Amino acid sequence: MSALKLSILTHSLNGGAFTNICPSLMRGFQELGVDCELVLLHATAEELARYPDLRIVSLNVKRTSFSLWATVRYLREHQPDIMISMPWYFNIVAIWAKYLSGAKTKVIIGEQNIISLEASIEHRDKLHLRLLPILMRYTYPYGDGLVGVAKDVITDLVEDLNINVKIPAQVIFNPSNPPRLAKLAQESIDHPWFQNADIPVIVTAARLAKQKQLDNLLRAFARVVEETPARLIILGEGPLRAELEHLCQELGIAELVWMPGYDPNPYRYMARCDLFVLASAWEGSPVALQEAMACGAAALVTDAPGGMKDIVEYGKYGIMVPTNDTDALAQGILQILTQPELKERFRQQSKLRSQEFNYLNISKQYLEFCQSILSPAQPEVLNHY
């Protein structure tokens, strides 16, 4: 029997969650003996050089909206048994390309976020993205399988977007690569805040966007420093930088908050911080949280829609506070900063929990789901969510 031939379709490896998700899955598949390719909109020479161990195919198009016929050509030429697409806009492209190409490829769509909120809040000014859920409603049922990174993600498709997804569906967390993270976490940090262990450092890694509720985190932090000395590092870039910098000035915490922008190696900060916080209004299965826990950071999240609460198992592996509650967020932060034993316990819990997100374990779950889709004995609908 020949090896399973599998492709992953996504946009790029130039920063963002998919820069970590897709290579981790690919490496897991390779270790499991799967013949796999990573298909990107446009792979730069730098990206190709950065991942010499991965087979990367470039569609050589600049935008997702122009990628349909390039994906059709890819399917006709390469004929993979399975194509896993992600995120939402690529799911539509992959399903249309399958039918237009006439290929026998099975398409497994990967849903990474709470799309009803992503479209209506984060992308409310972008008409084409606000309309995508309508296309999803009429396209997703023609996929061959669906992987959601959290139960809430699939529930959102069915209950909030009214998508009649009568195809096999399964919840599988995003992968992380602990050995790689441990190596990168050893890199030094040339910043004075890490020379003085007496003042605790809080870290978050998030795009500076509405979804991440960094304004609420800043307000909570301002209340924290009224009680105890602390510093906050926000790793990431985005459209709300000027607004957040202004809020720091307004709250009188500008000297206590550092926003260095996107850092390709946030793991050195995660490994050395006193607390990692994710205060988002919604999430899928946040890779930053999983990676921070793999680095041994004590974690604090909100109970917002999505996978954060699943990752910390509702408080077992990290502190969970109500979303949109500045006081509760401040109190949760203070718990960790003022109770060394609690901080150490959650550090150990983070390490323990992160073992379940190991890339090889996650790739095995994907592979088993792929094989169930290809099985001639597959039941009409097999849902594990």
Protein backbone atom coordinates (compact mmCIF):
# COMPACT_ATOMS: atom_id res chain seq x y z
CA MET A 1 0.00 0.00 0.00
CA SER A 2 1.46 3.37 -1.01
CA ALA A 3 1.99 6.13 1.56
CA LEU A 4 -0.80 8.62 2.09
CA LYS A 5 -0.25 11.72 -0.02
CA LEU A 6 -1.34 14.84 1.84
CA SER A 7 -1.22 18.60 1.26
CA ILE A 8 -1.76 21.54 3.58
CA LEU A 9 -3.07 24.74 1.95
CA THR A 10 -2.55 28.09 3.69
CA HIS A 11 -1.39 31.63 2.93
CA SER A 12 2.24 32.09 4.06
CA LEU A 13 4.86 31.44 6.69
CA ASN A 14 5.59 35.12 7.20
CA GLY A 15 4.57 35.54 10.84
CA GLY A 16 1.33 34.71 12.64
CA ALA A 17 -0.05 31.48 14.02
CA PHE A 18 0.20 29.49 10.78
CA THR A 19 3.96 30.04 10.72
CA ASN A 20 4.08 27.61 13.64
CA ILE A 21 1.00 25.43 13.08
CA CYS A 22 1.72 24.25 9.54
CA PRO A 23 5.43 23.39 9.88
CA SER A 24 4.69 21.52 13.13
CA LEU A 25 1.98 19.45 11.43
CA MET A 26 4.22 18.83 8.43
CA ARG A 27 7.08 17.56 10.58
CA GLY A 28 4.70 15.30 12.47
CA PHE A 29 3.34 13.88 9.23
CA GLN A 30 6.85 13.29 7.91
CA GLU A 31 7.80 11.38 11.07
CA LEU A 32 4.67 9.27 10.60
CA GLY A 33 5.72 8.35 7.05
CA VAL A 34 3.21 10.56 5.23
CA ASP A 35 4.09 12.02 1.83
CA CYS A 36 3.22 15.67 2.43
CA GLU A 37 3.53 19.10 0.83
CA LEU A 38 2.86 22.58 2.15
CA VAL A 39 1.06 24.71 -0.44
CA LEU A 40 1.40 28.48 -0.04
CA LEU A 41 0.08 31.47 -1.95
CA HIS A 42 3.57 32.77 -2.54
CA ALA A 43 6.66 31.22 -0.97
CA THR A 44 9.57 33.65 -0.81
CA ALA A 45 13.18 32.56 -1.16
CA GLU A 46 13.64 33.41 2.52
CA GLU A 47 10.77 31.11 3.55
CA LEU A 48 12.11 28.28 1.42
CA ALA A 49 15.56 28.68 2.98
CA ARG A 50 14.09 28.82 6.51
CA TYR A 51 12.37 25.43 6.11
CA PRO A 52 14.80 23.22 4.16
CA ASP A 53 13.26 20.08 5.68
CA LEU A 54 9.78 20.79 4.29
CA ARG A 55 8.47 20.33 0.75
CA ILE A 56 6.90 23.68 -0.06
CA VAL A 57 4.94 24.43 -3.23
CA SER A 58 4.27 28.05 -4.17
CA LEU A 59 1.10 28.90 -6.10
CA ASN A 60 2.82 32.17 -7.10
CA VAL A 61 -0.19 34.39 -6.50
CA LYS A 62 -0.36 37.39 -4.19
CA ARG A 63 -3.92 37.26 -2.87
CA THR A 64 -6.34 34.54 -1.75
CA SER A 65 -8.98 35.92 -4.14
CA PHE A 66 -6.65 35.08 -7.06
CA SER A 67 -5.70 31.60 -5.82
CA LEU A 68 -8.64 29.49 -7.06
CA TRP A 69 -7.33 28.53 -10.50
CA ALA A 70 -3.79 28.10 -9.19
CA THR A 71 -5.18 25.63 -6.62
CA VAL A 72 -7.15 23.86 -9.37
CA ARG A 73 -3.91 23.43 -11.33
CA TYR A 74 -2.12 22.16 -8.25
CA LEU A 75 -4.77 19.50 -7.58
CA ARG A 76 -4.75 18.33 -11.21
CA GLU A 77 -0.96 18.05 -11.27
CA HIS A 78 -0.24 16.65 -7.78
CA GLN A 79 -3.43 14.66 -7.03
CA PRO A 80 -3.05 14.45 -3.22
CA ASP A 81 -5.30 11.99 -1.40
CA ILE A 82 -6.14 14.64 1.19
CA MET A 83 -5.91 18.42 1.22
CA ILE A 84 -6.17 20.12 4.62
CA SER A 85 -6.99 23.80 4.21
CA MET A 86 -6.85 26.63 6.74
CA PRO A 87 -8.11 29.21 7.64
CA TRP A 88 -11.70 30.03 6.62
CA TYR A 89 -11.12 31.79 3.28
CA PHE A 90 -8.83 28.98 2.09
CA ASN A 91 -11.48 26.45 3.02
CA ILE A 92 -13.78 27.98 0.41
CA VAL A 93 -10.99 27.98 -2.19
CA ALA A 94 -10.09 24.33 -1.49
CA ILE A 95 -13.66 23.05 -1.84
CA TRP A 96 -14.30 24.96 -5.08
CA ALA A 97 -10.91 23.87 -6.47
CA LYS A 98 -11.66 20.23 -5.75
CA TYR A 99 -14.85 20.26 -7.83
CA LEU A 100 -13.45 22.41 -10.63
CA SER A 101 -10.32 20.25 -10.94
CA GLY A 102 -12.18 16.95 -11.07
CA ALA A 103 -9.58 15.53 -8.67
CA LYS A 104 -10.47 12.69 -6.31
CA THR A 105 -8.81 14.57 -3.46
CA LYS A 106 -10.72 14.69 -0.17
CA VAL A 107 -10.82 18.18 1.35
CA ILE A 108 -10.66 18.55 5.12
CA ILE A 109 -11.43 22.10 6.13
CA GLY A 110 -9.67 23.51 9.19
CA GLU A 111 -11.54 26.09 11.25
CA GLN A 112 -9.31 28.13 13.51
CA ASN A 113 -11.49 30.87 15.00
CA ILE A 114 -14.92 32.01 16.17
CA ILE A 115 -15.89 33.23 12.73
CA SER A 116 -19.17 34.95 13.65
CA LEU A 117 -17.19 37.31 15.92
CA GLU A 118 -14.16 37.52 13.65
CA ALA A 119 -16.29 38.65 10.71
CA SER A 120 -18.69 40.97 12.53
CA ILE A 121 -16.24 42.68 14.91
CA GLU A 122 -12.64 42.35 13.77
CA HIS A 123 -13.45 42.70 10.05
CA ARG A 124 -16.55 44.87 10.20
CA ASP A 125 -14.89 47.46 7.87
CA LYS A 126 -13.97 44.83 5.25
CA LEU A 127 -17.06 44.00 3.23
CA HIS A 128 -15.55 40.96 1.49
CA LEU A 129 -14.68 39.33 4.83
CA ARG A 130 -18.03 40.22 6.37
CA LEU A 131 -19.73 38.43 3.48
CA LEU A 132 -17.54 35.32 3.65
CA PRO A 133 -19.79 33.56 6.22
CA ILE A 134 -22.53 33.55 3.57
CA LEU A 135 -20.19 31.75 1.15
CA MET A 136 -19.19 29.41 3.96
CA ARG A 137 -22.85 28.51 4.56
CA TYR A 138 -23.23 27.24 1.01
CA THR A 139 -19.72 25.83 0.56
CA TYR A 140 -18.72 24.05 3.79
CA PRO A 141 -21.32 21.26 3.44
CA TYR A 142 -19.42 20.12 0.32
CA GLY A 143 -16.19 19.50 2.21
CA ASP A 144 -15.29 15.93 3.12
CA GLY A 145 -14.41 16.60 6.75
CA LEU A 146 -14.01 19.39 9.27
CA VAL A 147 -11.42 19.91 11.98
CA GLY A 148 -12.19 22.60 14.54
CA VAL A 149 -9.53 23.62 17.04
CA ALA A 150 -12.12 23.92 19.83
CA LYS A 151 -15.66 22.75 20.44
CA ASP A 152 -16.84 26.38 20.49
CA VAL A 153 -15.41 26.84 16.99
CA ILE A 154 -17.66 24.13 15.53
CA THR A 155 -20.64 25.19 17.64
CA ASP A 156 -20.24 28.71 16.25
CA LEU A 157 -20.44 27.40 12.67
CA VAL A 158 -23.58 25.40 13.37
CA GLU A 159 -25.50 27.63 15.78
CA ASP A 160 -24.38 31.19 15.05
CA LEU A 161 -23.62 31.03 11.32
CA ASN A 162 -26.34 28.44 10.58
CA ILE A 163 -24.00 26.26 8.54
CA ASN A 164 -25.50 22.81 8.04
CA VAL A 165 -22.24 20.89 8.45
CA LYS A 166 -23.37 17.28 7.90
CA ILE A 167 -19.87 16.02 7.31
CA PRO A 168 -17.51 14.20 9.70
CA ALA A 169 -16.15 16.68 12.24
CA GLN A 170 -13.58 16.47 15.00
CA VAL A 171 -11.98 18.78 17.55
CA ILE A 172 -8.17 18.70 17.41
CA PHE A 173 -6.00 21.26 19.22
CA ASN A 174 -3.24 23.11 17.43
CA PRO A 175 0.25 21.57 17.69
CA SER A 176 3.37 22.86 19.40
CA ASN A 177 6.97 21.70 19.19
CA PRO A 178 8.42 21.63 22.75
CA PRO A 179 12.03 20.65 21.79
CA ARG A 180 12.20 23.54 19.31
CA LEU A 181 10.69 25.96 21.84
CA ALA A 182 13.08 24.86 24.59
CA LYS A 183 16.07 25.53 22.33
CA LEU A 184 14.82 28.98 21.28
CA ALA A 185 13.89 29.88 24.87
CA GLN A 186 17.56 29.63 25.85
CA GLU A 187 18.47 32.68 23.77
CA SER A 188 19.46 35.64 25.91
CA ILE A 189 17.37 38.78 26.46
CA ASP A 190 19.17 42.10 26.37
CA HIS A 191 16.68 44.10 28.40
CA PRO A 192 17.10 45.59 31.91
CA TRP A 193 13.74 44.28 33.14
CA PHE A 194 15.16 40.76 33.14
CA GLN A 195 18.22 41.75 35.16
CA ASN A 196 16.17 42.49 38.28
CA ALA A 197 14.19 39.48 39.45
CA ASP A 198 12.59 41.48 42.28
CA ILE A 199 10.04 43.13 39.96
CA PRO A 200 7.77 40.60 38.24
CA VAL A 201 7.27 40.70 34.47
CA ILE A 202 3.95 39.89 32.79
CA VAL A 203 4.01 38.90 29.11
CA THR A 204 1.35 38.66 26.44
CA ALA A 205 1.85 37.83 22.75
CA ALA A 206 -0.99 39.09 20.60
CA ARG A 207 -1.84 41.07 17.52
CA LEU A 208 -2.69 44.64 18.47
CA ALA A 209 -6.32 44.25 17.43
CA LYS A 210 -9.82 44.38 18.91
CA GLN A 211 -10.07 40.63 19.44
CA LYS A 212 -7.19 40.62 21.93
CA GLN A 213 -8.75 43.19 24.33
CA LEU A 214 -5.38 44.68 25.17
CA ASP A 215 -7.10 47.85 26.36
CA ASN A 216 -8.75 45.81 29.11
CA LEU A 217 -5.41 44.22 29.98
CA LEU A 218 -3.80 47.66 30.28
CA ARG A 219 -6.57 48.87 32.58
CA ALA A 220 -6.23 45.77 34.73
CA PHE A 221 -2.46 46.21 34.81
CA ALA A 222 -2.87 49.81 35.96
CA ARG A 223 -4.85 48.49 38.94
CA VAL A 224 -2.25 45.81 39.62
CA VAL A 225 0.63 48.30 39.93
CA GLU A 226 -1.36 50.24 42.50
CA GLU A 227 -0.94 47.15 44.70
CA THR A 228 2.46 45.73 43.75
CA PRO A 229 5.39 46.60 41.43
CA ALA A 230 5.15 44.92 38.00
CA ARG A 231 6.01 45.37 34.35
CA LEU A 232 4.14 44.36 31.21
CA ILE A 233 5.53 43.30 27.82
CA ILE A 234 3.17 43.15 24.83
CA LEU A 235 4.73 41.21 21.95
CA GLY A 236 3.00 41.80 18.64
CA GLU A 237 2.04 44.40 16.07
CA GLY A 238 -1.26 45.63 14.69
CA PRO A 239 -3.58 48.50 13.86
CA LEU A 240 -4.27 49.57 17.45
CA ARG A 241 -0.68 50.46 18.40
CA ALA A 242 -1.20 54.25 18.55
CA GLU A 243 -4.46 53.82 20.50
CA LEU A 244 -2.83 51.50 23.04
CA GLU A 245 0.21 53.76 23.46
CA HIS A 246 -2.13 56.68 24.12
CA LEU A 247 -4.02 54.62 26.70
CA CYS A 248 -0.73 53.80 28.48
CA GLN A 249 -0.05 57.53 28.76
CA GLU A 250 -3.58 58.20 29.96
CA LEU A 251 -3.33 55.51 32.67
CA GLY A 252 0.14 56.66 33.77
CA ILE A 253 1.79 53.33 33.05
CA ALA A 254 3.81 54.17 29.93
CA GLU A 255 7.12 53.59 31.72
CA LEU A 256 5.94 50.17 32.90
CA VAL A 257 4.74 48.83 29.54
CA TRP A 258 7.03 47.79 26.68
CA MET A 259 5.64 47.06 23.21
CA PRO A 260 8.61 45.98 21.06
CA GLY A 261 6.45 44.72 18.17
CA TYR A 262 6.57 41.30 16.55
CA ASP A 263 9.42 39.12 17.77
CA PRO A 264 10.20 35.87 15.91
CA ASN A 265 11.41 34.40 19.21
CA PRO A 266 8.88 35.24 21.94
CA TYR A 267 9.77 32.02 23.76
CA ARG A 268 12.72 33.53 25.65
CA TYR A 269 10.28 36.01 27.20
CA MET A 270 7.67 33.33 27.89
CA ALA A 271 10.23 31.13 29.66
CA ARG A 272 11.43 33.94 31.93
CA CYS A 273 8.19 35.79 32.69
CA ASP A 274 6.25 35.53 35.95
CA LEU A 275 2.91 35.28 34.18
CA PHE A 276 1.58 34.90 30.63
CA VAL A 277 -1.82 36.55 30.09
CA LEU A 278 -4.27 36.23 27.22
CA ALA A 279 -7.26 38.53 27.78
CA SER A 280 -8.96 37.99 24.42
CA ALA A 281 -12.66 38.50 23.67
CA TRP A 282 -12.59 35.26 21.67
CA GLU A 283 -10.01 32.79 20.38
CA GLY A 284 -9.74 29.56 18.44
CA SER A 285 -6.99 27.46 19.97
CA PRO A 286 -4.39 30.15 20.64
CA VAL A 287 -0.93 28.96 19.69
CA ALA A 288 0.71 31.68 21.80
CA LEU A 289 -0.97 30.31 24.94
CA GLN A 290 0.00 26.72 24.15
CA GLU A 291 3.60 27.73 23.45
CA ALA A 292 3.85 29.87 26.59
CA MET A 293 2.67 26.88 28.63
CA ALA A 294 5.23 24.66 26.88
CA CYS A 295 7.88 27.18 27.97
CA GLY A 296 6.73 26.75 31.57
CA ALA A 297 4.91 30.05 32.04
CA ALA A 298 2.06 30.27 34.53
CA ALA A 299 -1.01 31.15 32.45
CA LEU A 300 -4.06 33.36 32.95
CA VAL A 301 -6.92 33.48 30.42
CA THR A 302 -10.50 34.68 30.15
CA ASP A 303 -13.50 32.38 29.74
CA ALA A 304 -14.27 33.92 26.36
CA PRO A 305 -15.72 31.88 23.47
CA GLY A 306 -13.13 29.52 21.99
CA GLY A 307 -10.43 27.20 23.17
CA MET A 308 -8.64 29.12 25.94
CA LYS A 309 -10.80 27.61 28.66
CA ASP A 310 -10.32 24.15 27.14
CA ILE A 311 -6.54 24.54 27.12
CA VAL A 312 -6.42 25.43 30.83
CA GLU A 313 -9.31 23.01 31.51
CA TYR A 314 -11.43 25.63 33.24
CA GLY A 315 -8.78 26.51 35.83
CA LYS A 316 -6.96 23.21 36.33
CA TYR A 317 -3.88 24.18 34.32
CA GLY A 318 -4.07 27.97 34.60
CA ILE A 319 -6.13 30.75 36.12
CA MET A 320 -9.38 31.56 34.31
CA VAL A 321 -11.34 34.79 34.89
CA PRO A 322 -14.56 36.18 33.36
CA THR A 323 -14.12 38.01 30.09
CA ASN A 324 -14.72 41.78 29.93
CA ASP A 325 -14.17 42.04 33.71
CA THR A 326 -11.26 44.35 34.45
CA ASP A 327 -11.42 43.82 38.21
CA ALA A 328 -11.40 40.02 37.89
CA LEU A 329 -8.45 40.21 35.47
CA ALA A 330 -6.50 42.43 37.88
CA GLN A 331 -7.25 40.11 40.80
CA GLY A 332 -6.17 37.06 38.81
CA ILE A 333 -2.86 38.73 37.96
CA LEU A 334 -2.34 39.72 41.60
CA GLN A 335 -2.95 36.14 42.72
CA ILE A 336 0.04 34.92 40.72
CA LEU A 337 2.32 37.88 41.45
CA THR A 338 1.77 37.79 45.22
CA GLN A 339 1.66 34.00 45.79
CA PRO A 340 4.97 32.36 44.76
CA GLU A 341 3.71 28.85 45.57
CA LEU A 342 0.68 29.32 43.32
CA LYS A 343 2.87 30.63 40.52
CA GLU A 344 5.18 27.63 40.78
CA ARG A 345 2.24 25.20 40.84
CA PHE A 346 0.77 26.67 37.64
CA ARG A 347 4.19 26.62 36.00
CA GLN A 348 4.35 22.89 36.60
CA GLN A 349 0.74 22.48 35.43
CA SER A 350 1.58 24.33 32.21
CA LYS A 351 4.44 21.97 31.44
CA LEU A 352 2.24 18.98 32.15
CA ARG A 353 -0.63 20.16 29.98
CA SER A 354 1.62 21.17 27.08
CA GLN A 355 2.71 17.56 26.56
CA GLU A 356 -0.74 16.85 25.13
CA PHE A 357 -0.17 19.44 22.37
CA ASN A 358 3.07 17.86 21.16
CA TYR A 359 3.15 18.09 17.36
CA LEU A 360 3.55 14.34 16.87
CA ASN A 361 0.50 13.59 19.04
CA ILE A 362 -1.58 16.20 17.17
CA SER A 363 -0.38 14.96 13.76
CA LYS A 364 -1.43 11.43 14.73
CA GLN A 365 -4.93 12.71 15.51
CA TYR A 366 -5.10 14.42 12.12
CA LEU A 367 -3.81 11.30 10.38
CA GLU A 368 -6.39 9.07 12.06
CA PHE A 369 -9.14 11.50 11.01
CA CYS A 370 -7.80 11.58 7.43
CA GLN A 371 -7.78 7.78 7.29
CA SER A 372 -11.37 7.66 8.57
CA ILE A 373 -12.40 10.04 5.75
CA LEU A 374 -10.70 7.82 3.16
CA SER A 375 -12.14 4.62 4.59
CA PRO A 376 -14.83 3.03 2.39
CA ALA A 377 -16.57 1.92 5.60
CA GLN A 378 -16.91 5.53 6.79
CA PRO A 379 -20.35 6.17 8.36
CA GLU A 380 -22.53 8.94 6.96
CA VAL A 381 -21.56 11.37 9.74
CA LEU A 382 -18.88 10.79 12.37
CA ASN A 383 -18.62 13.70 14.77
CA HIS A 384 -16.27 13.94 17.74
CA TYR A 385 -17.02 17.34 19.25
